[in-house]
């Protein structure tokens, strides 16, 4: 039987879990890699959380520091935010309607993608890194993980699934956190008949950003995914109907 091991921590206000599979799953090297993943995500939260008073984001908002005073990694994230704002035609924008800068919509996917390198360094290890429902996987065995897409009307139900041996799946919508997204074009909360949009593709950083931008776009959301090759989407309407882009990958019926 293939060895399996799982870890979970509460970071960024979310459950962050790792599921490992294969002969290396019980190894000290795998355990050390996971601990490094968690430590790096804790550090990302310390630097970028808008809810922590001592974070760089909070200090910038209060005017206590300027851009020349913050850690270079903060400026790197700001540059990434600028690129994806251009990529999405302004549908993703870290500038808040009332003023201020909140890169949270990019930071989670970026940080998880970056820390995934710790797990990639463990040879012959299948792993699934799940950050509050946004998932990054790698399966050297070529046996995929099946990632469930939650029904936004019933959190206990899975309405679709994606089988992946590599890459990411991210979801944006209002089911988990309510109407927390705003439309940068109007400055008002997003109002849509779509309850969620999930995006599958090579990078969690970009899958997460594109899912957010697609949800903001509303009826035109499939066109948003044309911004980058290799990304496909699944939208769920308020009446429960689904709409998938042509390349949306097939999957099983439940997460594995």
Foldseek 3Di string as FASTA:
>chain_A
DWDKDKDWDQAPNWIKMKIKTHPCRPPPLQVVLVVQLVVLRNVLCQAAPCPDCNHVQNCVQVVVDDPVPDDVVVVVLVVVQVVVCVLQVNQRHQAALVGGGHSVLQSVQVSNQVSCVSVVVDPQMWMWIATRLKIFTAHPVPFWWKRFDADLVDRVAGDFIATDNGWIKDKDFQSPPHQPDPGSVVSGTADEQWGMKMKTFHGSSVRSSLRSSLSSVHPPSQVSVVSDPGMWMWIAGPVGDIDTDPPRHHGDRDTD
